[in-house]
Amino acid sequence: MAWNNILGKRGEQLAVSFLEKKGYQILEINWRHRRAEVDIIAKDGSILVFVEVKTRNNNHYGEPELAVDQKKEDLLASAGAAYMRKIEHDWEIRFDIISIIYKNEQSFTIKHFEDAFFPN
């Protein structure tokens, strides 16, 4: 497996653990719909939360969260809508981003952007 894939998977594991410690209920990990993948689908109380995780080993090319562009937001919104139809969810939702700079198991930073965007 390529290093960036390993890094991405490790970031998702850290994000799941981070959210669980905050009391989130994890519903799905790497849920796919057509061309889109939602890294984490969770519940924060009664709010359904779709989480995009971006992990880098440095920020030389900008912060990881800046990689979530309009195209990615649109794909996440489409997948989110499909998931909502699947579970017949019709109440509050939120789109979050978790940004991780990962050096090693003992050295990483996590930033959680709640309500990072709302689809058009």
N, C-alpha and C. Protein backbone atom coordinates (compact mmCIF):
# COMPACT_ATOMS: atom_id res chain seq x y z
N MET A 1 0.85 -1.18 0.00
CA MET A 1 0.00 0.00 0.00
C MET A 1 0.90 1.24 0.00
N ALA A 2 0.52 2.24 -0.79
CA ALA A 2 1.30 3.47 -0.89
C ALA A 2 1.25 4.24 0.43
N TRP A 3 2.32 5.01 0.69
CA TRP A 3 2.43 5.75 1.95
C TRP A 3 1.24 6.68 2.17
N ASN A 4 0.78 7.38 1.13
CA ASN A 4 -0.33 8.30 1.33
C ASN A 4 -1.62 7.55 1.70
N ASN A 5 -1.79 6.33 1.22
CA ASN A 5 -2.96 5.52 1.62
C ASN A 5 -2.84 5.09 3.08
N ILE A 6 -1.65 4.70 3.48
CA ILE A 6 -1.41 4.31 4.87
C ILE A 6 -1.66 5.51 5.79
N LEU A 7 -1.14 6.66 5.39
CA LEU A 7 -1.32 7.89 6.16
C LEU A 7 -2.80 8.24 6.28
N GLY A 8 -3.53 8.14 5.18
CA GLY A 8 -4.96 8.44 5.19
C GLY A 8 -5.73 7.51 6.11
N LYS A 9 -5.43 6.22 6.06
CA LYS A 9 -6.12 5.26 6.94
C LYS A 9 -5.80 5.53 8.41
N ARG A 10 -4.54 5.85 8.68
CA ARG A 10 -4.18 6.16 10.08
C ARG A 10 -4.91 7.41 10.55
N GLY A 11 -5.01 8.39 9.68
CA GLY A 11 -5.75 9.60 10.03
C GLY A 11 -7.21 9.31 10.33
N GLU A 12 -7.83 8.45 9.53
CA GLU A 12 -9.23 8.09 9.78
C GLU A 12 -9.37 7.39 11.12
N GLN A 13 -8.43 6.50 11.46
CA GLN A 13 -8.48 5.81 12.76
C GLN A 13 -8.37 6.82 13.89
N LEU A 14 -7.47 7.78 13.77
CA LEU A 14 -7.32 8.81 14.80
C LEU A 14 -8.59 9.65 14.90
N ALA A 15 -9.20 9.96 13.77
CA ALA A 15 -10.42 10.77 13.77
C ALA A 15 -11.57 10.03 14.44
N VAL A 16 -11.71 8.74 14.16
CA VAL A 16 -12.76 7.95 14.81
C VAL A 16 -12.57 7.96 16.32
N SER A 17 -11.35 7.71 16.76
CA SER A 17 -11.06 7.71 18.20
C SER A 17 -11.35 9.08 18.81
N PHE A 18 -10.95 10.14 18.13
CA PHE A 18 -11.17 11.51 18.57
C PHE A 18 -12.67 11.78 18.74
N LEU A 19 -13.46 11.40 17.74
CA LEU A 19 -14.90 11.63 17.81
C LEU A 19 -15.56 10.79 18.90
N GLU A 20 -15.15 9.55 19.04
CA GLU A 20 -15.72 8.70 20.09
C GLU A 20 -15.45 9.30 21.47
N LYS A 21 -14.25 9.84 21.68
CA LYS A 21 -13.93 10.48 22.96
C LYS A 21 -14.79 11.70 23.21
N LYS A 22 -15.26 12.34 22.14
CA LYS A 22 -16.14 13.50 22.27
C LYS A 22 -17.61 13.08 22.42
N GLY A 23 -17.87 11.76 22.42
CA GLY A 23 -19.22 11.27 22.63
C GLY A 23 -20.02 11.01 21.37
N TYR A 24 -19.39 11.09 20.22
CA TYR A 24 -20.08 10.80 18.97
C TYR A 24 -20.33 9.30 18.85
N GLN A 25 -21.43 8.95 18.20
CA GLN A 25 -21.72 7.55 17.88
C GLN A 25 -21.33 7.34 16.42
N ILE A 26 -20.37 6.47 16.16
CA ILE A 26 -19.91 6.21 14.80
C ILE A 26 -20.88 5.23 14.14
N LEU A 27 -21.43 5.64 13.00
CA LEU A 27 -22.39 4.81 12.27
C LEU A 27 -21.74 4.08 11.09
N GLU A 28 -20.88 4.77 10.37
CA GLU A 28 -20.24 4.20 9.17
C GLU A 28 -18.83 4.77 9.04
N ILE A 29 -17.96 3.96 8.45
CA ILE A 29 -16.62 4.41 8.09
C ILE A 29 -16.42 4.05 6.62
N ASN A 30 -15.95 5.03 5.85
CA ASN A 30 -15.71 4.85 4.41
C ASN A 30 -16.97 4.39 3.66
N TRP A 31 -18.06 5.09 3.89
CA TRP A 31 -19.32 4.77 3.22
C TRP A 31 -19.29 5.34 1.81
N ARG A 32 -19.59 4.49 0.83
CA ARG A 32 -19.48 4.87 -0.58
C ARG A 32 -20.85 5.01 -1.22
N HIS A 33 -20.93 6.00 -2.11
CA HIS A 33 -22.09 6.18 -2.98
C HIS A 33 -21.57 6.72 -4.31
N ARG A 34 -21.72 5.91 -5.33
CA ARG A 34 -21.21 6.26 -6.66
C ARG A 34 -19.74 6.65 -6.58
N ARG A 35 -19.41 7.88 -6.98
CA ARG A 35 -18.00 8.32 -6.99
C ARG A 35 -17.55 8.92 -5.67
N ALA A 36 -18.46 9.02 -4.73
CA ALA A 36 -18.14 9.70 -3.47
C ALA A 36 -17.94 8.71 -2.34
N GLU A 37 -17.08 9.11 -1.42
CA GLU A 37 -16.89 8.34 -0.20
C GLU A 37 -16.94 9.31 0.97
N VAL A 38 -17.72 8.96 1.97
CA VAL A 38 -17.76 9.74 3.20
C VAL A 38 -16.87 9.00 4.20
N ASP A 39 -15.85 9.69 4.69
CA ASP A 39 -14.89 9.03 5.58
C ASP A 39 -15.56 8.51 6.84
N ILE A 40 -16.36 9.35 7.48
CA ILE A 40 -17.04 8.95 8.73
C ILE A 40 -18.45 9.53 8.72
N ILE A 41 -19.41 8.69 9.08
CA ILE A 41 -20.77 9.16 9.33
C ILE A 41 -21.03 8.86 10.80
N ALA A 42 -21.45 9.88 11.53
CA ALA A 42 -21.62 9.74 12.98
C ALA A 42 -22.85 10.50 13.43
N LYS A 43 -23.21 10.29 14.68
CA LYS A 43 -24.26 11.09 15.30
C LYS A 43 -23.66 11.84 16.47
N ASP A 44 -23.96 13.12 16.51
CA ASP A 44 -23.59 14.00 17.62
C ASP A 44 -24.91 14.37 18.28
N GLY A 45 -25.31 13.58 19.28
CA GLY A 45 -26.65 13.72 19.83
C GLY A 45 -27.63 13.28 18.78
N SER A 46 -28.54 14.16 18.39
CA SER A 46 -29.52 13.81 17.35
C SER A 46 -29.10 14.29 15.97
N ILE A 47 -27.94 14.94 15.86
CA ILE A 47 -27.46 15.49 14.58
C ILE A 47 -26.68 14.42 13.82
N LEU A 48 -27.05 14.20 12.57
CA LEU A 48 -26.31 13.31 11.69
C LEU A 48 -25.14 14.10 11.11
N VAL A 49 -23.92 13.58 11.27
CA VAL A 49 -22.72 14.32 10.88
C VAL A 49 -21.93 13.52 9.84
N PHE A 50 -21.63 14.19 8.73
CA PHE A 50 -20.80 13.62 7.68
C PHE A 50 -19.42 14.27 7.82
N VAL A 51 -18.40 13.43 8.00
CA VAL A 51 -17.07 13.94 8.32
C VAL A 51 -16.07 13.58 7.22
N GLU A 52 -15.39 14.60 6.72
CA GLU A 52 -14.29 14.41 5.79
C GLU A 52 -12.99 14.55 6.59
N VAL A 53 -12.11 13.56 6.45
CA VAL A 53 -10.83 13.56 7.18
C VAL A 53 -9.72 13.83 6.17
N LYS A 54 -8.89 14.81 6.47
CA LYS A 54 -7.73 15.11 5.64
C LYS A 54 -6.49 15.01 6.50
N THR A 55 -5.56 14.14 6.09
CA THR A 55 -4.34 13.88 6.86
C THR A 55 -3.13 14.16 5.99
N ARG A 56 -2.18 14.88 6.55
CA ARG A 56 -0.90 15.16 5.87
C ARG A 56 0.21 14.94 6.89
N ASN A 57 1.44 14.75 6.39
CA ASN A 57 2.56 14.63 7.32
C ASN A 57 3.26 15.97 7.54
N ASN A 58 2.80 17.01 6.83
CA ASN A 58 3.29 18.37 7.06
C ASN A 58 2.29 19.34 6.43
N ASN A 59 2.53 20.61 6.64
CA ASN A 59 1.63 21.60 6.04
C ASN A 59 2.38 22.51 5.07
N HIS A 60 3.40 21.98 4.43
CA HIS A 60 4.19 22.76 3.48
C HIS A 60 3.36 23.30 2.32
N TYR A 61 2.32 22.59 1.94
CA TYR A 61 1.47 23.00 0.82
C TYR A 61 0.12 23.51 1.31
N GLY A 62 0.05 23.94 2.54
CA GLY A 62 -1.19 24.44 3.12
C GLY A 62 -1.76 23.45 4.11
N GLU A 63 -2.70 23.92 4.87
CA GLU A 63 -3.35 23.09 5.88
C GLU A 63 -4.20 22.02 5.20
N PRO A 64 -4.28 20.83 5.78
CA PRO A 64 -5.03 19.73 5.15
C PRO A 64 -6.48 20.08 4.81
N GLU A 65 -7.14 20.85 5.68
CA GLU A 65 -8.55 21.15 5.46
C GLU A 65 -8.78 21.96 4.18
N LEU A 66 -7.75 22.63 3.69
CA LEU A 66 -7.89 23.41 2.46
C LEU A 66 -8.05 22.54 1.23
N ALA A 67 -7.80 21.25 1.36
CA ALA A 67 -7.97 20.31 0.24
C ALA A 67 -9.44 19.99 -0.02
N VAL A 68 -10.33 20.41 0.86
CA VAL A 68 -11.76 20.18 0.64
C VAL A 68 -12.28 21.34 -0.19
N ASP A 69 -12.33 21.11 -1.51
CA ASP A 69 -12.76 22.15 -2.43
C ASP A 69 -14.25 21.98 -2.76
N GLN A 70 -14.75 22.83 -3.64
CA GLN A 70 -16.17 22.80 -3.99
C GLN A 70 -16.58 21.46 -4.59
N LYS A 71 -15.74 20.88 -5.42
CA LYS A 71 -16.05 19.57 -6.03
C LYS A 71 -16.22 18.51 -4.94
N LYS A 72 -15.31 18.51 -3.96
CA LYS A 72 -15.38 17.54 -2.87
C LYS A 72 -16.63 17.78 -2.03
N GLU A 73 -16.94 19.04 -1.76
CA GLU A 73 -18.16 19.36 -1.01
C GLU A 73 -19.40 18.84 -1.75
N ASP A 74 -19.43 19.02 -3.07
CA ASP A 74 -20.58 18.55 -3.85
C ASP A 74 -20.70 17.02 -3.79
N LEU A 75 -19.58 16.31 -3.89
CA LEU A 75 -19.60 14.85 -3.79
C LEU A 75 -20.08 14.40 -2.41
N LEU A 76 -19.60 15.07 -1.37
CA LEU A 76 -20.03 14.72 -0.01
C LEU A 76 -21.52 14.99 0.18
N ALA A 77 -22.01 16.09 -0.38
CA ALA A 77 -23.42 16.42 -0.27
C ALA A 77 -24.28 15.37 -0.97
N SER A 78 -23.84 14.94 -2.14
CA SER A 78 -24.57 13.90 -2.88
C SER A 78 -24.61 12.59 -2.10
N ALA A 79 -23.46 12.19 -1.58
CA ALA A 79 -23.41 10.96 -0.79
C ALA A 79 -24.24 11.11 0.49
N GLY A 80 -24.16 12.28 1.11
CA GLY A 80 -24.95 12.53 2.32
C GLY A 80 -26.44 12.41 2.05
N ALA A 81 -26.89 12.97 0.95
CA ALA A 81 -28.31 12.88 0.59
C ALA A 81 -28.73 11.43 0.37
N ALA A 82 -27.87 10.65 -0.29
CA ALA A 82 -28.16 9.23 -0.52
C ALA A 82 -28.25 8.47 0.80
N TYR A 83 -27.34 8.77 1.71
CA TYR A 83 -27.35 8.09 3.01
C TYR A 83 -28.61 8.45 3.79
N MET A 84 -29.00 9.72 3.72
CA MET A 84 -30.21 10.15 4.42
C MET A 84 -31.44 9.43 3.87
N ARG A 85 -31.50 9.27 2.56
CA ARG A 85 -32.62 8.51 1.96
C ARG A 85 -32.60 7.06 2.44
N LYS A 86 -31.40 6.49 2.49
CA LYS A 86 -31.25 5.09 2.89
C LYS A 86 -31.80 4.84 4.29
N ILE A 87 -31.48 5.74 5.22
CA ILE A 87 -31.91 5.52 6.61
C ILE A 87 -33.17 6.29 6.97
N GLU A 88 -33.75 6.97 5.96
CA GLU A 88 -34.96 7.77 6.15
C GLU A 88 -34.78 8.83 7.25
N HIS A 89 -33.67 9.52 7.15
CA HIS A 89 -33.31 10.58 8.10
C HIS A 89 -33.88 11.90 7.59
N ASP A 90 -34.61 12.60 8.41
CA ASP A 90 -35.17 13.87 7.95
C ASP A 90 -35.04 14.98 9.00
N TRP A 91 -34.01 14.90 9.79
CA TRP A 91 -33.78 15.97 10.76
C TRP A 91 -32.39 16.55 10.55
N GLU A 92 -31.86 17.23 11.50
CA GLU A 92 -30.66 18.04 11.35
C GLU A 92 -29.43 17.23 10.91
N ILE A 93 -28.66 17.86 10.00
CA ILE A 93 -27.39 17.28 9.55
C ILE A 93 -26.30 18.34 9.64
N ARG A 94 -25.06 17.86 9.52
CA ARG A 94 -23.92 18.76 9.57
C ARG A 94 -22.78 18.14 8.77
N PHE A 95 -21.97 18.97 8.14
CA PHE A 95 -20.77 18.52 7.44
C PHE A 95 -19.56 19.07 8.16
N ASP A 96 -18.71 18.18 8.67
CA ASP A 96 -17.51 18.56 9.43
C ASP A 96 -16.26 18.16 8.64
N ILE A 97 -15.16 18.79 8.99
CA ILE A 97 -13.85 18.40 8.48
C ILE A 97 -12.94 18.18 9.68
N ILE A 98 -12.20 17.08 9.63
CA ILE A 98 -11.14 16.85 10.62
C ILE A 98 -9.82 16.90 9.87
N SER A 99 -8.94 17.78 10.33
CA SER A 99 -7.64 18.02 9.71
C SER A 99 -6.57 17.48 10.65
N ILE A 100 -5.68 16.66 10.10
CA ILE A 100 -4.65 16.03 10.92
C ILE A 100 -3.28 16.24 10.29
N ILE A 101 -2.33 16.71 11.10
CA ILE A 101 -0.91 16.70 10.74
C ILE A 101 -0.30 15.58 11.56
N TYR A 102 0.16 14.54 10.86
CA TYR A 102 0.64 13.32 11.51
C TYR A 102 2.13 13.15 11.29
N LYS A 103 2.88 13.19 12.39
CA LYS A 103 4.32 12.92 12.33
C LYS A 103 4.59 11.45 12.67
N ASN A 104 4.02 11.02 13.80
CA ASN A 104 4.13 9.63 14.24
C ASN A 104 3.06 9.40 15.32
N GLU A 105 3.06 8.23 15.92
CA GLU A 105 2.03 7.88 16.91
C GLU A 105 2.01 8.82 18.11
N GLN A 106 3.14 9.41 18.44
CA GLN A 106 3.21 10.29 19.59
C GLN A 106 3.14 11.77 19.21
N SER A 107 3.21 12.07 17.93
CA SER A 107 3.27 13.46 17.50
C SER A 107 2.31 13.72 16.33
N PHE A 108 1.14 14.24 16.68
CA PHE A 108 0.17 14.61 15.65
C PHE A 108 -0.75 15.68 16.23
N THR A 109 -1.34 16.45 15.34
CA THR A 109 -2.32 17.46 15.77
C THR A 109 -3.62 17.21 15.02
N ILE A 110 -4.72 17.42 15.73
CA ILE A 110 -6.04 17.25 15.15
C ILE A 110 -6.82 18.55 15.34
N LYS A 111 -7.42 19.02 14.24
CA LYS A 111 -8.33 20.16 14.30
C LYS A 111 -9.69 19.69 13.78
N HIS A 112 -10.73 20.03 14.50
CA HIS A 112 -12.08 19.63 14.14
C HIS A 112 -12.87 20.88 13.77
N PHE A 113 -13.32 20.94 12.53
CA PHE A 113 -14.12 22.06 12.05
C PHE A 113 -15.58 21.60 11.97
N GLU A 114 -16.34 21.93 13.00
CA GLU A 114 -17.77 21.57 12.99
C GLU A 114 -18.50 22.51 12.07
N ASP A 115 -19.47 21.95 11.34
CA ASP A 115 -20.29 22.76 10.43
C ASP A 115 -19.39 23.52 9.46
N ALA A 116 -18.41 22.79 8.88
CA ALA A 116 -17.39 23.40 8.02
C ALA A 116 -17.96 23.99 6.74
N PHE A 117 -19.02 23.39 6.23
CA PHE A 117 -19.67 23.91 5.02
C PHE A 117 -21.10 23.39 4.99
N PHE A 118 -21.91 24.04 4.19
CA PHE A 118 -23.25 23.55 3.95
C PHE A 118 -23.47 23.56 2.45
N PRO A 119 -23.88 22.42 1.90
CA PRO A 119 -24.00 22.33 0.44
C PRO A 119 -25.00 23.35 -0.12
N ASN A 120 -24.72 23.75 -1.35
CA ASN A 120 -25.61 24.69 -2.05
C ASN A 120 -26.95 24.05 -2.37
